[in-house]
Amino acid sequence: TVDLGSGALSGATGTAFLVSGGTVSSTYSGSISKSNAGFLIDIDKHESGTMTFQTGTLSSTGTSSGLRVQNSNSGAINFNNPTKTLNTGANSAVTLNTNNAGGTMNFGGGGLDIDTTSATGFSATGGGTVNVTGSNNTINSTAGAAIIVANTTIGASDLNFRSVSSTNAAADAISLSSTGTTGGLKVGAELPGTPLSR
């Protein structure tokens, strides 16, 4: 495992943290922030090993495009940071939509705060397995879908959200299709001490 340290990344003109290819296991424990166009984190073709974003803060605001994982057909990607603020406006906050069959994407530690306007908050249609755990995970989308999961397995740890809100989506606010039988979506009332908002 490669330890990438804990320095902070900010001010990138393109993608703030880009992974293209490779099989190495690695851990990054720093903070990453982005407010201009481009992805906060973009992982493409990471075919094996485990990549972990462990501590620090992830912040995607303004015109940035949040997190994307694609073409990662095995191994695991862990977003364990205690604070994950993805306020991406007209851009999707979490995009797991292309060719991830065999891979696992975990959002651990809670603190996943997604806010969009016309874009989808959390989209996973590219296969593989996805889990969202911990407390205080929220999605608020003004005119886009809040959650779309299709042809992707919801893992045994489930997708756990304190609240999910989409007020003016043109289609379904929450859409789940072919997500397997291992886990499910839990929102508000199914989590102790949290409100339900749909």
Protein backbone atom coordinates (compact mmCIF):
# COMPACT_ATOMS: atom_id res chain seq x y z
CA THR A 1 0.00 0.00 0.00
CA VAL A 2 1.28 3.45 -0.94
CA ASP A 3 0.74 6.18 1.67
CA LEU A 4 0.15 9.45 -0.19
CA GLY A 5 0.38 11.55 2.96
CA SER A 6 -1.95 14.21 4.30
CA GLY A 7 -1.20 17.44 2.45
CA ALA A 8 -4.11 19.59 1.28
CA LEU A 9 -5.03 19.94 -2.42
CA SER A 10 -6.81 23.03 -3.75
CA GLY A 11 -6.83 25.48 -6.65
CA ALA A 12 -6.51 22.94 -9.48
CA THR A 13 -7.59 24.20 -12.91
CA GLY A 14 -8.60 20.69 -14.04
CA THR A 15 -9.38 17.66 -11.90
CA ALA A 16 -8.11 18.08 -8.34
CA PHE A 17 -7.29 14.38 -7.79
CA LEU A 18 -7.02 12.21 -10.92
CA VAL A 19 -6.35 8.47 -11.09
CA SER A 20 -5.96 6.95 -14.56
CA GLY A 21 -5.11 3.26 -14.71
CA GLY A 22 -3.06 1.25 -12.26
CA THR A 23 -3.57 -1.52 -9.72
CA VAL A 24 -1.78 -0.19 -6.66
CA SER A 25 -3.42 0.07 -3.24
CA SER A 26 -3.08 3.55 -1.78
CA THR A 27 -4.30 5.80 1.05
CA TYR A 28 -4.66 9.58 0.99
CA SER A 29 -5.37 11.29 4.31
CA GLY A 30 -5.47 14.95 3.30
CA SER A 31 -8.18 17.41 2.39
CA ILE A 32 -9.24 18.15 -1.20
CA SER A 33 -11.26 21.19 -2.26
CA LYS A 34 -12.47 22.53 -5.59
CA SER A 35 -14.86 25.31 -6.61
CA ASN A 36 -14.17 25.77 -10.34
CA ALA A 37 -14.99 23.55 -13.34
CA GLY A 38 -13.75 19.95 -13.30
CA PHE A 39 -14.00 16.97 -10.98
CA LEU A 40 -12.95 17.02 -7.36
CA ILE A 41 -11.91 13.34 -7.70
CA ASP A 42 -11.93 11.36 -10.96
CA ILE A 43 -10.95 7.67 -10.87
CA ASP A 44 -10.72 5.87 -14.22
CA LYS A 45 -9.51 2.32 -14.93
CA HIS A 46 -8.37 1.50 -11.39
CA GLU A 47 -8.61 -2.25 -11.94
CA SER A 48 -7.55 -3.79 -8.61
CA GLY A 49 -6.26 -2.98 -5.16
CA THR A 50 -7.92 -0.67 -2.66
CA MET A 51 -7.84 3.11 -2.90
CA THR A 52 -8.85 4.91 0.30
CA PHE A 53 -9.53 8.58 1.01
CA GLN A 54 -9.20 8.27 4.75
CA THR A 55 -9.39 11.53 6.71
CA GLY A 56 -9.46 15.23 5.98
CA THR A 57 -12.31 16.98 4.18
CA LEU A 58 -13.67 16.62 0.64
CA SER A 59 -15.28 19.83 -0.63
CA SER A 60 -16.76 20.30 -4.11
CA THR A 61 -18.65 23.57 -4.56
CA GLY A 62 -19.34 26.23 -7.19
CA THR A 63 -19.07 24.88 -10.76
CA SER A 64 -17.12 21.74 -9.86
CA SER A 65 -18.39 18.23 -10.62
CA GLY A 66 -17.95 16.18 -7.46
CA LEU A 67 -16.77 12.56 -7.57
CA ARG A 68 -16.61 10.17 -10.52
CA VAL A 69 -15.54 6.52 -10.67
CA GLN A 70 -15.59 4.72 -14.03
CA ASN A 71 -14.05 1.70 -15.79
CA SER A 72 -12.93 0.26 -12.46
CA ASN A 73 -13.83 -3.41 -12.74
CA SER A 74 -12.31 -4.81 -9.55
CA GLY A 75 -10.83 -3.66 -6.27
CA ALA A 76 -12.41 -1.10 -3.95
CA ILE A 77 -12.64 2.68 -3.70
CA ASN A 78 -13.28 3.96 -0.15
CA PHE A 79 -14.38 7.52 0.56
CA ASN A 80 -14.06 7.42 4.35
CA ASN A 81 -13.55 11.14 4.99
CA PRO A 82 -15.70 12.33 7.90
CA THR A 83 -16.86 15.38 5.93
CA LYS A 84 -17.81 15.08 2.25
CA THR A 85 -19.46 18.30 1.06
CA LEU A 86 -20.61 18.05 -2.56
CA ASN A 87 -22.60 21.18 -3.40
CA THR A 88 -22.32 20.99 -7.18
CA GLY A 89 -25.29 22.97 -8.53
CA ALA A 90 -26.06 21.93 -12.11
CA ASN A 91 -23.44 19.14 -12.05
CA SER A 92 -23.96 15.66 -10.59
CA ALA A 93 -22.33 15.22 -7.21
CA VAL A 94 -21.57 11.46 -7.30
CA THR A 95 -21.28 9.71 -10.67
CA LEU A 96 -20.63 5.95 -10.75
CA ASN A 97 -22.14 5.34 -14.17
CA THR A 98 -19.71 3.56 -16.50
CA ASN A 99 -18.32 0.04 -16.50
CA ASN A 100 -17.62 -0.61 -12.80
CA ALA A 101 -18.76 -4.25 -12.76
CA GLY A 102 -16.75 -6.18 -10.17
CA GLY A 103 -15.65 -3.06 -8.31
CA THR A 104 -16.82 -1.84 -4.92
CA MET A 105 -17.39 1.80 -3.99
CA ASN A 106 -17.83 2.63 -0.30
CA PHE A 107 -18.84 5.94 1.25
CA GLY A 108 -18.04 5.46 4.93
CA GLY A 109 -17.83 7.56 8.05
CA GLY A 110 -21.00 9.54 7.43
CA GLY A 111 -20.97 13.25 6.66
CA LEU A 112 -21.95 12.90 2.97
CA ASP A 113 -23.69 16.21 2.21
CA ILE A 114 -25.01 16.44 -1.37
CA ASP A 115 -26.78 19.51 -2.77
CA THR A 116 -27.60 20.00 -6.45
CA THR A 117 -29.98 22.17 -8.46
CA SER A 118 -30.89 20.53 -11.80
CA ALA A 119 -28.45 17.60 -11.67
CA THR A 120 -28.70 14.16 -10.07
CA GLY A 121 -27.32 13.97 -6.56
CA PHE A 122 -26.15 10.34 -6.39
CA SER A 123 -26.04 8.22 -9.57
CA ALA A 124 -24.76 4.63 -9.76
CA THR A 125 -25.66 2.84 -13.00
CA GLY A 126 -22.32 1.35 -14.05
CA GLY A 127 -22.41 -1.94 -12.11
CA GLY A 128 -20.35 -3.13 -9.18
CA THR A 129 -21.35 -2.73 -5.55
CA VAL A 130 -22.01 0.46 -3.62
CA ASN A 131 -22.42 1.15 0.13
CA VAL A 132 -23.16 4.38 2.03
CA THR A 133 -22.70 4.12 5.80
CA GLY A 134 -22.47 6.34 8.87
CA SER A 135 -24.67 9.16 10.10
CA ASN A 136 -25.73 12.56 8.75
CA ASN A 137 -25.73 11.57 5.07
CA THR A 138 -28.11 13.88 3.19
CA ILE A 139 -29.20 14.66 -0.38
CA ASN A 140 -31.08 17.78 -1.42
CA SER A 141 -31.76 18.29 -5.13
CA THR A 142 -33.96 21.15 -6.27
CA ALA A 143 -34.94 20.02 -9.78
CA GLY A 144 -32.92 16.87 -10.39
CA ALA A 145 -33.26 13.29 -9.19
CA ALA A 146 -31.86 12.66 -5.74
CA ILE A 147 -30.78 9.02 -6.15
CA ILE A 148 -30.54 6.78 -9.21
CA VAL A 149 -29.18 3.24 -8.79
CA ALA A 150 -29.59 0.83 -11.71
CA ASN A 151 -27.84 -2.41 -12.66
CA THR A 152 -25.63 -1.90 -9.61
CA THR A 153 -25.70 -3.92 -6.39
CA ILE A 154 -26.52 -2.16 -3.15
CA GLY A 155 -24.14 -3.85 -0.72
CA ALA A 156 -24.83 -5.51 2.61
CA SER A 157 -24.11 -2.22 4.44
CA ASP A 158 -26.97 -0.53 2.51
CA LEU A 159 -27.34 3.05 1.34
CA ASN A 160 -28.00 4.96 4.58
CA PHE A 161 -29.28 8.54 4.43
CA ARG A 162 -30.70 10.76 7.16
CA SER A 163 -32.77 12.66 4.59
CA VAL A 164 -33.38 12.66 0.84
CA SER A 165 -35.18 15.57 -0.81
CA SER A 166 -36.03 16.38 -4.43
CA THR A 167 -38.73 19.00 -4.79
CA ASN A 168 -39.18 19.56 -8.53
CA ALA A 169 -37.62 16.59 -10.32
CA ALA A 170 -39.03 16.03 -13.81
CA ALA A 171 -38.83 12.26 -13.30
CA ASP A 172 -38.60 10.08 -10.18
CA ALA A 173 -36.82 11.62 -7.21
CA ILE A 174 -35.56 8.16 -6.20
CA SER A 175 -35.10 5.43 -8.81
CA LEU A 176 -33.86 1.93 -7.92
CA SER A 177 -33.67 -0.77 -10.60
CA SER A 178 -31.82 -4.11 -10.60
CA THR A 179 -29.97 -3.40 -7.36
CA GLY A 180 -29.72 -7.02 -6.16
CA THR A 181 -30.97 -8.58 -2.95
CA THR A 182 -27.99 -7.99 -0.67
CA GLY A 183 -28.90 -4.57 0.71
CA GLY A 184 -31.27 -1.67 0.23
CA LEU A 185 -31.92 2.03 0.64
CA LYS A 186 -32.60 3.27 4.18
CA VAL A 187 -33.84 6.82 4.63
CA GLY A 188 -34.84 8.73 7.75
CA ALA A 189 -37.43 6.64 9.53
CA GLU A 190 -35.37 3.48 9.21
CA LEU A 191 -32.40 5.09 10.95
CA PRO A 192 -32.64 5.69 14.72
CA GLY A 193 -33.22 9.30 15.72
CA THR A 194 -33.37 10.82 12.24
CA PRO A 195 -36.20 12.51 10.31
CA LEU A 196 -37.70 11.30 7.06
CA SER A 197 -37.70 13.74 4.13
CA ARG A 198 -38.70 12.67 0.66
